[in-house]
Structures are given as C-alpha cells and as structure tokens.
Amino acid sequence: MKNVFNAVIALGERVEALLRIPLAFVYAIIISVLEMAVGIVLIIQFFYTLILGRRHEGMVCFTNKYASPNYHINRYLQFPSLSQRIGLLLEFSGV
C-alpha cells in the first residue's frame, strides 16, 4: 500500500511540474508588467512623501496588493514537492 501511495505522489509531482512550466510563462509576463507599474508608483510615492511629508494611502495599498500575490506565485513556482506541502499544511493546521 505504501509503494502505491509513493508511486501516485511521484506521478502527481511530475504532472504538476509539467503544468507549472506554461504557468510560469504567463506569470512572468503578468509579474513583469506589474513590476514596472509598481516601480513607477514607488518613484511617485517617494516624491509625494518627500514633498508632503506623508504617504499616499492609495499608492501604499496598490504596492501591498502587488507584493502578496507575487510572494505566493514565487513560492508556487519554486517547486516545493507535494510531500513538503502536505507537511506544511499539517503543520499550520495544528494536526
């Protein structure tokens, strides 16, 4: 039974790895466009803060909304194995 379980996990990891490759290209395009936009917003934010002495909350909110999905996409594309993700899931759920 344990050998069957290990074989299913190994097959699932191979299929998942193959599916991540096209996703990586799509994510790379989206992330690069967003990085340019965030870079422009950061420059504007710097001068806004320098001149007025306070942050513009809309720009801060935009950059924060970019940072969180970017972190999750990078974690997904760095290929943690299925067994590592199951272990992390169990660790965070308190089981």
C-alpha atoms as a PDB file:
ATOM      1  CA  MET A   1       0.000   0.000   0.000  1.00  0.00           C
ATOM      2  CA  LYS A   2       2.850   2.360   0.864  1.00  0.00           C
ATOM      3  CA  ASN A   3       4.514   1.719  -2.519  1.00  0.00           C
ATOM      4  CA  VAL A   4       1.290   2.564  -4.345  1.00  0.00           C
ATOM      5  CA  PHE A   5       0.954   5.783  -2.363  1.00  0.00           C
ATOM      6  CA  ASN A   6       4.556   6.765  -3.174  1.00  0.00           C
ATOM      7  CA  ALA A   7       4.024   5.978  -6.869  1.00  0.00           C
ATOM      8  CA  VAL A   8       0.890   8.129  -7.003  1.00  0.00           C
ATOM      9  CA  ILE A   9       2.704  11.016  -5.326  1.00  0.00           C
ATOM     10  CA  ALA A  10       5.640  10.698  -7.738  1.00  0.00           C
ATOM     11  CA  LEU A  11       3.325  10.676 -10.771  1.00  0.00           C
ATOM     12  CA  GLY A  12       1.363  13.624  -9.428  1.00  0.00           C
ATOM     13  CA  GLU A  13       4.550  15.615  -8.868  1.00  0.00           C
ATOM     14  CA  ARG A  14       5.679  15.001 -12.467  1.00  0.00           C
ATOM     15  CA  VAL A  15       2.359  16.105 -13.925  1.00  0.00           C
ATOM     16  CA  GLU A  16       2.291  19.120 -11.651  1.00  0.00           C
ATOM     17  CA  ALA A  17       5.825  20.084 -12.693  1.00  0.00           C
ATOM     18  CA  LEU A  18       4.823  19.926 -16.366  1.00  0.00           C
ATOM     19  CA  LEU A  19       1.787  22.097 -15.718  1.00  0.00           C
ATOM     20  CA  ARG A  20       3.863  24.713 -13.925  1.00  0.00           C
ATOM     21  CA  ILE A  21       6.003  25.456 -16.983  1.00  0.00           C
ATOM     22  CA  PRO A  22       3.288  27.192 -19.065  1.00  0.00           C
ATOM     23  CA  LEU A  23       2.009  28.905 -15.936  1.00  0.00           C
ATOM     24  CA  ALA A  24       5.495  30.250 -15.304  1.00  0.00           C
ATOM     25  CA  PHE A  25       5.499  31.986 -18.701  1.00  0.00           C
ATOM     26  CA  VAL A  26       2.087  33.553 -18.109  1.00  0.00           C
ATOM     27  CA  TYR A  27       3.047  34.640 -14.602  1.00  0.00           C
ATOM     28  CA  ALA A  28       6.349  36.068 -15.872  1.00  0.00           C
ATOM     29  CA  ILE A  29       4.523  38.351 -18.297  1.00  0.00           C
ATOM     30  CA  ILE A  30       1.992  39.481 -15.702  1.00  0.00           C
ATOM     31  CA  ILE A  31       4.595  39.989 -12.977  1.00  0.00           C
ATOM     32  CA  SER A  32       6.932  41.969 -15.254  1.00  0.00           C
ATOM     33  CA  VAL A  33       4.136  44.373 -16.225  1.00  0.00           C
ATOM     34  CA  LEU A  34       3.132  44.779 -12.592  1.00  0.00           C
ATOM     35  CA  GLU A  35       6.755  45.302 -11.542  1.00  0.00           C
ATOM     36  CA  MET A  36       7.057  48.192 -13.977  1.00  0.00           C
ATOM     37  CA  ALA A  37       3.841  49.722 -12.650  1.00  0.00           C
ATOM     38  CA  VAL A  38       4.946  49.284  -9.032  1.00  0.00           C
ATOM     39  CA  GLY A  39       8.331  50.817  -9.856  1.00  0.00           C
ATOM     40  CA  ILE A  40       6.650  53.899 -11.277  1.00  0.00           C
ATOM     41  CA  VAL A  41       4.304  54.097  -8.281  1.00  0.00           C
ATOM     42  CA  LEU A  42       7.260  53.814  -5.882  1.00  0.00           C
ATOM     43  CA  ILE A  43       9.064  56.692  -7.565  1.00  0.00           C
ATOM     44  CA  ILE A  44       5.917  58.829  -7.438  1.00  0.00           C
ATOM     45  CA  GLN A  45       5.375  57.764  -3.815  1.00  0.00           C
ATOM     46  CA  PHE A  46       8.942  58.794  -2.926  1.00  0.00           C
ATOM     47  CA  PHE A  47       8.497  62.311  -4.268  1.00  0.00           C
ATOM     48  CA  TYR A  48       4.988  62.583  -2.801  1.00  0.00           C
ATOM     49  CA  THR A  49       6.349  61.695   0.637  1.00  0.00           C
ATOM     50  CA  LEU A  50       9.357  63.960   0.202  1.00  0.00           C
ATOM     51  CA  ILE A  51       7.219  66.973  -0.711  1.00  0.00           C
ATOM     52  CA  LEU A  52       4.161  66.492   1.518  1.00  0.00           C
ATOM     53  CA  GLY A  53       5.742  64.572   4.382  1.00  0.00           C
ATOM     54  CA  ARG A  54       3.142  61.789   4.419  1.00  0.00           C
ATOM     55  CA  ARG A  55       2.357  58.653   2.452  1.00  0.00           C
ATOM     56  CA  HIS A  56      -0.396  58.398  -0.125  1.00  0.00           C
ATOM     57  CA  GLU A  57      -2.550  55.538   1.168  1.00  0.00           C
ATOM     58  CA  GLY A  58      -3.858  54.566  -2.272  1.00  0.00           C
ATOM     59  CA  MET A  59      -0.362  54.034  -3.613  1.00  0.00           C
ATOM     60  CA  VAL A  60       0.669  52.116  -0.483  1.00  0.00           C
ATOM     61  CA  CYS A  61      -2.400  49.892  -0.834  1.00  0.00           C
ATOM     62  CA  PHE A  62      -1.566  49.219  -4.517  1.00  0.00           C
ATOM     63  CA  THR A  63       2.012  48.164  -3.776  1.00  0.00           C
ATOM     64  CA  ASN A  64       0.863  45.946  -0.893  1.00  0.00           C
ATOM     65  CA  LYS A  65      -1.726  44.272  -3.130  1.00  0.00           C
ATOM     66  CA  TYR A  66       1.072  43.535  -5.600  1.00  0.00           C
ATOM     67  CA  ALA A  67       3.502  42.152  -3.013  1.00  0.00           C
ATOM     68  CA  SER A  68       1.251  39.455  -1.554  1.00  0.00           C
ATOM     69  CA  PRO A  69       0.268  37.665  -4.801  1.00  0.00           C
ATOM     70  CA  ASN A  70       3.844  38.000  -6.054  1.00  0.00           C
ATOM     71  CA  TYR A  71       5.077  36.181  -2.944  1.00  0.00           C
ATOM     72  CA  HIS A  72       2.568  33.346  -3.399  1.00  0.00           C
ATOM     73  CA  ILE A  73       3.339  32.981  -7.116  1.00  0.00           C
ATOM     74  CA  ASN A  74       7.071  32.794  -6.403  1.00  0.00           C
ATOM     75  CA  ARG A  75       6.510  30.173  -3.700  1.00  0.00           C
ATOM     76  CA  TYR A  76       4.386  28.110  -6.119  1.00  0.00           C
ATOM     77  CA  LEU A  77       6.913  28.279  -8.934  1.00  0.00           C
ATOM     78  CA  GLN A  78       9.872  27.286  -6.746  1.00  0.00           C
ATOM     79  CA  PHE A  79       8.674  23.672  -6.852  1.00  0.00           C
ATOM     80  CA  PRO A  80       8.094  22.552  -3.286  1.00  0.00           C
ATOM     81  CA  SER A  81       7.257  18.870  -3.505  1.00  0.00           C
ATOM     82  CA  LEU A  82       3.809  17.542  -2.734  1.00  0.00           C
ATOM     83  CA  SER A  83       5.031  15.866   0.443  1.00  0.00           C
ATOM     84  CA  GLN A  84       6.579  19.151   1.646  1.00  0.00           C
ATOM     85  CA  ARG A  85       3.314  20.991   1.035  1.00  0.00           C
ATOM     86  CA  ILE A  86       1.324  18.310   2.847  1.00  0.00           C
ATOM     87  CA  GLY A  87       3.745  18.570   5.774  1.00  0.00           C
ATOM     88  CA  LEU A  88       3.417  22.347   5.836  1.00  0.00           C
ATOM     89  CA  LEU A  89      -0.351  22.115   5.607  1.00  0.00           C
ATOM     90  CA  LEU A  90      -0.468  19.723   8.537  1.00  0.00           C
ATOM     91  CA  GLU A  91       1.948  21.905  10.488  1.00  0.00           C
ATOM     92  CA  PHE A  92      -0.137  25.053  10.001  1.00  0.00           C
ATOM     93  CA  SER A  93      -3.447  23.325  10.679  1.00  0.00           C
ATOM     94  CA  GLY A  94      -2.172  22.088  14.050  1.00  0.00           C
ATOM     95  CA  VAL A  95      -2.632  18.372  13.271  1.00  0.00           C
END
